[in-house]
Amino acid sequence: MGVVSVDAEDDQFAYRYDTQLLIDRRDRDLDEDEISDYITENIEGNSLIAAGDEDLIKIHYHTNEPWRVLEYCNSVGEIYDIVVEDMIRQSDGLQG
């Protein structure tokens, strides 16, 4: 059994950080299904998007542990265009 994710409708900010990045192929083809499965099974969060091909994958994930997403993604390829936004600060009208 993997990590249980809270549905966004239950608590809009159950997962505070909107984490986005690109993974570029390093030394082996990227597998978006493998990456998606790892993230959902090992890092608590919701709203995962993992889209791309064997050379480039875009990740978007709401989590309270964005560093774990970055650490994992860096283990499968080169990561860049990293954005971690605090959705609670943004909803309060502050810079995310």
C-alpha atoms as a PDB file:
ATOM      1  CA  MET A   1       0.000   0.000   0.000  1.00  0.00           C
ATOM      2  CA  GLY A   2       1.382   3.389  -1.014  1.00  0.00           C
ATOM      3  CA  VAL A   3       1.118   6.777   0.590  1.00  0.00           C
ATOM      4  CA  VAL A   4      -2.472   7.926   1.066  1.00  0.00           C
ATOM      5  CA  SER A   5      -3.126  11.346  -0.457  1.00  0.00           C
ATOM      6  CA  VAL A   6      -5.706  13.773   0.893  1.00  0.00           C
ATOM      7  CA  ASP A   7      -8.164  14.899  -1.758  1.00  0.00           C
ATOM      8  CA  ALA A   8      -7.688  18.594  -2.565  1.00  0.00           C
ATOM      9  CA  GLU A   9     -11.401  19.282  -1.990  1.00  0.00           C
ATOM     10  CA  ASP A  10     -11.122  18.045   1.606  1.00  0.00           C
ATOM     11  CA  ASP A  11      -8.476  20.607   2.516  1.00  0.00           C
ATOM     12  CA  GLN A  12      -7.315  23.056  -0.107  1.00  0.00           C
ATOM     13  CA  PHE A  13      -3.954  23.465   1.618  1.00  0.00           C
ATOM     14  CA  ALA A  14      -3.331  20.003   3.031  1.00  0.00           C
ATOM     15  CA  TYR A  15      -0.193  20.146   0.879  1.00  0.00           C
ATOM     16  CA  ARG A  16       1.383  23.557   1.103  1.00  0.00           C
ATOM     17  CA  TYR A  17       4.060  23.603  -1.606  1.00  0.00           C
ATOM     18  CA  ASP A  18       3.340  23.681  -5.326  1.00  0.00           C
ATOM     19  CA  THR A  19       6.509  22.007  -6.615  1.00  0.00           C
ATOM     20  CA  GLN A  20       7.393  22.220 -10.308  1.00  0.00           C
ATOM     21  CA  LEU A  21      10.509  21.271 -12.222  1.00  0.00           C
ATOM     22  CA  LEU A  22      11.883  19.753 -15.395  1.00  0.00           C
ATOM     23  CA  ILE A  23      13.940  16.565 -15.502  1.00  0.00           C
ATOM     24  CA  ASP A  24      16.373  16.232 -18.407  1.00  0.00           C
ATOM     25  CA  ARG A  25      17.748  12.874 -19.495  1.00  0.00           C
ATOM     26  CA  ARG A  26      21.157  12.156 -17.984  1.00  0.00           C
ATOM     27  CA  ASP A  27      22.563   8.721 -18.822  1.00  0.00           C
ATOM     28  CA  ARG A  28      19.430   6.620 -19.386  1.00  0.00           C
ATOM     29  CA  ASP A  29      15.965   7.173 -20.808  1.00  0.00           C
ATOM     30  CA  LEU A  30      13.415   8.728 -18.479  1.00  0.00           C
ATOM     31  CA  ASP A  31      10.242   6.764 -17.746  1.00  0.00           C
ATOM     32  CA  GLU A  32       7.319   8.988 -16.771  1.00  0.00           C
ATOM     33  CA  ASP A  33       5.293   6.056 -15.380  1.00  0.00           C
ATOM     34  CA  GLU A  34       8.190   4.929 -13.173  1.00  0.00           C
ATOM     35  CA  ILE A  35       8.744   8.487 -11.928  1.00  0.00           C
ATOM     36  CA  SER A  36       5.028   9.067 -11.321  1.00  0.00           C
ATOM     37  CA  ASP A  37       4.663   5.767  -9.457  1.00  0.00           C
ATOM     38  CA  TYR A  38       7.697   6.453  -7.256  1.00  0.00           C
ATOM     39  CA  ILE A  39       6.483   9.928  -6.284  1.00  0.00           C
ATOM     40  CA  THR A  40       2.914   8.859  -5.469  1.00  0.00           C
ATOM     41  CA  GLU A  41       4.062   5.782  -3.517  1.00  0.00           C
ATOM     42  CA  ASN A  42       6.863   7.450  -1.535  1.00  0.00           C
ATOM     43  CA  ILE A  43       6.161  11.171  -1.139  1.00  0.00           C
ATOM     44  CA  GLU A  44       2.880  12.297   0.378  1.00  0.00           C
ATOM     45  CA  GLY A  45       0.979  14.838  -1.697  1.00  0.00           C
ATOM     46  CA  ASN A  46      -1.583  15.308  -4.461  1.00  0.00           C
ATOM     47  CA  SER A  47      -2.243  16.839  -7.897  1.00  0.00           C
ATOM     48  CA  LEU A  48       0.694  15.043  -9.536  1.00  0.00           C
ATOM     49  CA  ILE A  49       1.421  15.710 -13.186  1.00  0.00           C
ATOM     50  CA  ALA A  50       4.372  13.878 -14.731  1.00  0.00           C
ATOM     51  CA  ALA A  51       4.363  14.464 -18.476  1.00  0.00           C
ATOM     52  CA  GLY A  52       6.965  14.135 -21.175  1.00  0.00           C
ATOM     53  CA  ASP A  53       9.082  11.575 -22.987  1.00  0.00           C
ATOM     54  CA  GLU A  54      12.355   9.697 -22.549  1.00  0.00           C
ATOM     55  CA  ASP A  55      14.385  12.932 -22.843  1.00  0.00           C
ATOM     56  CA  LEU A  56      12.411  15.489 -20.801  1.00  0.00           C
ATOM     57  CA  ILE A  57       9.695  15.258 -18.141  1.00  0.00           C
ATOM     58  CA  LYS A  58       7.785  18.060 -16.430  1.00  0.00           C
ATOM     59  CA  ILE A  59       6.801  17.444 -12.816  1.00  0.00           C
ATOM     60  CA  HIS A  60       4.086  19.304 -10.923  1.00  0.00           C
ATOM     61  CA  TYR A  61       3.183  18.129  -7.402  1.00  0.00           C
ATOM     62  CA  HIS A  62       1.579  19.536  -4.254  1.00  0.00           C
ATOM     63  CA  THR A  63       3.451  18.324  -1.168  1.00  0.00           C
ATOM     64  CA  ASN A  64       4.709  19.381   2.250  1.00  0.00           C
ATOM     65  CA  GLU A  65       8.134  17.900   1.432  1.00  0.00           C
ATOM     66  CA  PRO A  66       9.311  19.519  -1.819  1.00  0.00           C
ATOM     67  CA  TRP A  67      12.948  18.670  -1.027  1.00  0.00           C
ATOM     68  CA  ARG A  68      12.109  14.959  -1.315  1.00  0.00           C
ATOM     69  CA  VAL A  69      10.674  15.502  -4.803  1.00  0.00           C
ATOM     70  CA  LEU A  70      13.822  17.396  -5.839  1.00  0.00           C
ATOM     71  CA  GLU A  71      16.121  14.797  -4.315  1.00  0.00           C
ATOM     72  CA  TYR A  72      14.370  11.926  -6.080  1.00  0.00           C
ATOM     73  CA  CYS A  73      14.097  13.685  -9.441  1.00  0.00           C
ATOM     74  CA  ASN A  74      17.789  14.620  -9.282  1.00  0.00           C
ATOM     75  CA  SER A  75      18.578  10.922  -8.841  1.00  0.00           C
ATOM     76  CA  VAL A  76      16.963  10.054 -12.206  1.00  0.00           C
ATOM     77  CA  GLY A  77      18.136  13.018 -14.296  1.00  0.00           C
ATOM     78  CA  GLU A  78      19.310  16.617 -14.400  1.00  0.00           C
ATOM     79  CA  ILE A  79      16.765  18.952 -12.778  1.00  0.00           C
ATOM     80  CA  TYR A  80      16.205  22.600 -13.661  1.00  0.00           C
ATOM     81  CA  ASP A  81      13.536  25.329 -13.902  1.00  0.00           C
ATOM     82  CA  ILE A  82      12.712  24.501 -10.277  1.00  0.00           C
ATOM     83  CA  VAL A  83       9.822  26.420  -8.707  1.00  0.00           C
ATOM     84  CA  VAL A  84       8.517  25.805  -5.191  1.00  0.00           C
ATOM     85  CA  GLU A  85       5.637  28.093  -4.261  1.00  0.00           C
ATOM     86  CA  ASP A  86       3.983  28.375  -0.867  1.00  0.00           C
ATOM     87  CA  MET A  87       0.265  28.235  -1.689  1.00  0.00           C
ATOM     88  CA  ILE A  88      -0.780  29.359   1.810  1.00  0.00           C
ATOM     89  CA  ARG A  89       1.289  32.535   1.526  1.00  0.00           C
ATOM     90  CA  GLN A  90      -0.104  33.134  -1.950  1.00  0.00           C
ATOM     91  CA  SER A  91      -3.707  32.740  -0.730  1.00  0.00           C
ATOM     92  CA  ASP A  92      -2.948  35.354   1.947  1.00  0.00           C
ATOM     93  CA  GLY A  93      -1.876  37.766  -0.788  1.00  0.00           C
ATOM     94  CA  LEU A  94       1.833  37.380  -0.073  1.00  0.00           C
ATOM     95  CA  GLN A  95       4.692  36.430  -2.392  1.00  0.00           C
ATOM     96  CA  GLY A  96       4.832  32.631  -2.668  1.00  0.00           C
END
